[in-house]
Amino acid sequence: QVQVVESGGGSVQAGGSLRLSCAASGGMFGLNVMGWYRQAPGKQRELVASVTTGGSTNYADSVKGRFSISRDNAKNTVNLQMNSLKPEDTAVYYCNTVGRFVKRYDWGQGTQVIVSS
């Protein structure tokens, strides 16, 4: 079964930090750009960070300088270190492949992040 499992969310105060983890199964992981997405209540899911198989990263402007994405190809994991969290970072966070014509994992349950002011 090809799936992803996200973990590490929680509730923090503004300025705090969290580290999210994603474990992926199946052979797709090592072939694709992986990313962290988030969906806030009433909003569309958005890509916030991505990492290529070689470790090159890209970030949405809203998280640049605060979030850091990394991956371990041997373990099929991708992490998101989130620092200086803001209330507007509150969302459910998901990991998946990135790319317009790239096969996706079935979306996981995600992990909830709540940032209070």
Protein backbone atom coordinates (compact mmCIF):
# COMPACT_ATOMS: atom_id res chain seq x y z
CA GLN A 1 0.00 0.00 0.00
CA VAL A 2 1.34 3.38 -0.99
CA GLN A 3 0.73 5.92 1.72
CA VAL A 4 2.10 8.76 3.79
CA VAL A 5 1.77 9.29 7.53
CA GLU A 6 2.30 12.73 9.02
CA SER A 7 3.10 13.46 12.66
CA GLY A 8 4.50 16.10 14.98
CA GLY A 9 1.77 18.72 15.04
CA GLY A 10 0.47 20.38 18.17
CA SER A 11 -0.49 23.62 19.84
CA VAL A 12 2.11 26.30 20.45
CA GLN A 13 2.22 30.00 21.20
CA ALA A 14 3.34 32.49 18.61
CA GLY A 15 7.11 32.47 18.29
CA GLY A 16 7.36 28.79 19.13
CA SER A 17 8.66 25.88 17.09
CA LEU A 18 7.45 22.51 15.89
CA ARG A 19 9.02 19.75 13.82
CA LEU A 20 6.78 17.77 11.52
CA SER A 21 7.67 14.35 10.15
CA CYS A 22 6.33 12.35 7.24
CA ALA A 23 6.95 8.68 6.57
CA ALA A 24 6.20 7.47 3.06
CA SER A 25 5.88 3.96 1.74
CA GLY A 26 6.29 2.62 -1.76
CA GLY A 27 8.82 3.31 -4.46
CA MET A 28 7.66 6.78 -5.43
CA PHE A 29 9.53 8.59 -2.68
CA GLY A 30 13.01 8.31 -4.12
CA LEU A 31 11.92 9.42 -7.57
CA ASN A 32 10.01 12.58 -6.78
CA VAL A 33 10.16 16.04 -5.34
CA MET A 34 8.42 15.93 -1.96
CA GLY A 35 6.62 18.76 -0.28
CA TRP A 36 4.68 19.93 2.72
CA TYR A 37 1.26 21.38 2.07
CA ARG A 38 -1.17 23.03 4.47
CA GLN A 39 -4.86 23.76 4.53
CA ALA A 40 -6.37 26.31 6.85
CA PRO A 41 -10.11 26.36 7.60
CA GLY A 42 -12.04 27.76 4.66
CA LYS A 43 -8.96 27.95 2.44
CA GLN A 44 -7.48 25.86 -0.34
CA ARG A 45 -4.58 23.56 0.25
CA GLU A 46 -1.28 25.29 -0.51
CA LEU A 47 2.28 24.11 -0.98
CA VAL A 48 4.59 25.69 1.59
CA ALA A 49 7.90 23.89 1.06
CA SER A 50 9.46 21.35 -1.28
CA VAL A 51 12.70 19.40 -1.55
CA THR A 52 14.16 17.61 -4.56
CA THR A 53 15.72 14.17 -4.43
CA GLY A 54 19.08 15.94 -4.33
CA GLY A 55 18.14 18.18 -1.43
CA SER A 56 17.41 21.47 -3.17
CA THR A 57 14.65 23.35 -1.42
CA ASN A 58 11.99 25.89 -2.24
CA TYR A 59 9.63 27.81 0.05
CA ALA A 60 6.49 29.87 -0.16
CA ASP A 61 7.16 33.52 0.60
CA SER A 62 4.98 33.31 3.70
CA VAL A 63 7.32 30.80 5.39
CA LYS A 64 10.69 31.70 3.88
CA GLY A 65 13.32 32.17 6.56
CA ARG A 66 11.20 30.44 9.22
CA PHE A 67 10.60 26.92 7.89
CA SER A 68 13.19 24.37 6.79
CA ILE A 69 12.43 21.19 4.86
CA SER A 70 14.69 18.16 4.67
CA ARG A 71 14.47 14.56 3.52
CA ASP A 72 16.15 11.24 4.17
CA ASN A 73 15.99 9.11 1.05
CA ALA A 74 17.24 6.02 2.86
CA LYS A 75 14.40 6.20 5.36
CA ASN A 76 11.70 7.58 3.06
CA THR A 77 11.05 10.47 5.40
CA VAL A 78 10.63 14.19 4.94
CA ASN A 79 10.67 16.69 7.80
CA LEU A 80 9.58 20.28 8.25
CA GLN A 81 11.20 22.37 10.96
CA MET A 82 8.96 25.31 11.74
CA ASN A 83 10.35 28.22 13.77
CA SER A 84 8.97 31.63 14.71
CA LEU A 85 5.46 30.33 14.24
CA LYS A 86 2.63 32.79 13.66
CA PRO A 87 -1.13 32.42 14.17
CA GLU A 88 -1.55 32.43 10.40
CA ASP A 89 0.47 29.19 10.25
CA THR A 90 -2.48 27.43 11.90
CA ALA A 91 -3.59 24.66 9.53
CA VAL A 92 -3.57 20.94 8.89
CA TYR A 93 -0.23 20.01 7.34
CA TYR A 94 0.19 17.23 4.77
CA CYS A 95 3.09 15.79 2.83
CA ASN A 96 2.95 14.50 -0.71
CA THR A 97 4.75 14.56 -4.02
CA VAL A 98 5.09 17.84 -5.90
CA GLY A 99 4.57 18.52 -9.57
CA ARG A 100 1.67 19.11 -11.88
CA PHE A 101 1.72 15.75 -13.64
CA VAL A 102 3.28 13.69 -10.87
CA LYS A 103 1.45 10.81 -9.27
CA ARG A 104 0.31 11.62 -5.74
CA TYR A 105 0.17 9.43 -2.70
CA ASP A 106 -3.31 9.05 -1.30
CA TRP A 107 -3.62 12.07 0.98
CA GLY A 108 -2.99 11.17 4.62
CA GLN A 109 -4.80 12.41 7.71
CA GLY A 110 -2.37 15.28 8.05
CA THR A 111 -1.17 16.74 11.32
CA GLN A 112 -2.83 19.72 12.99
CA VAL A 113 -0.80 22.79 13.89
CA ILE A 114 -2.41 25.45 16.06
CA VAL A 115 -0.55 28.66 16.85
CA SER A 116 -2.08 30.97 19.43
CA SER A 117 -1.27 34.64 19.83
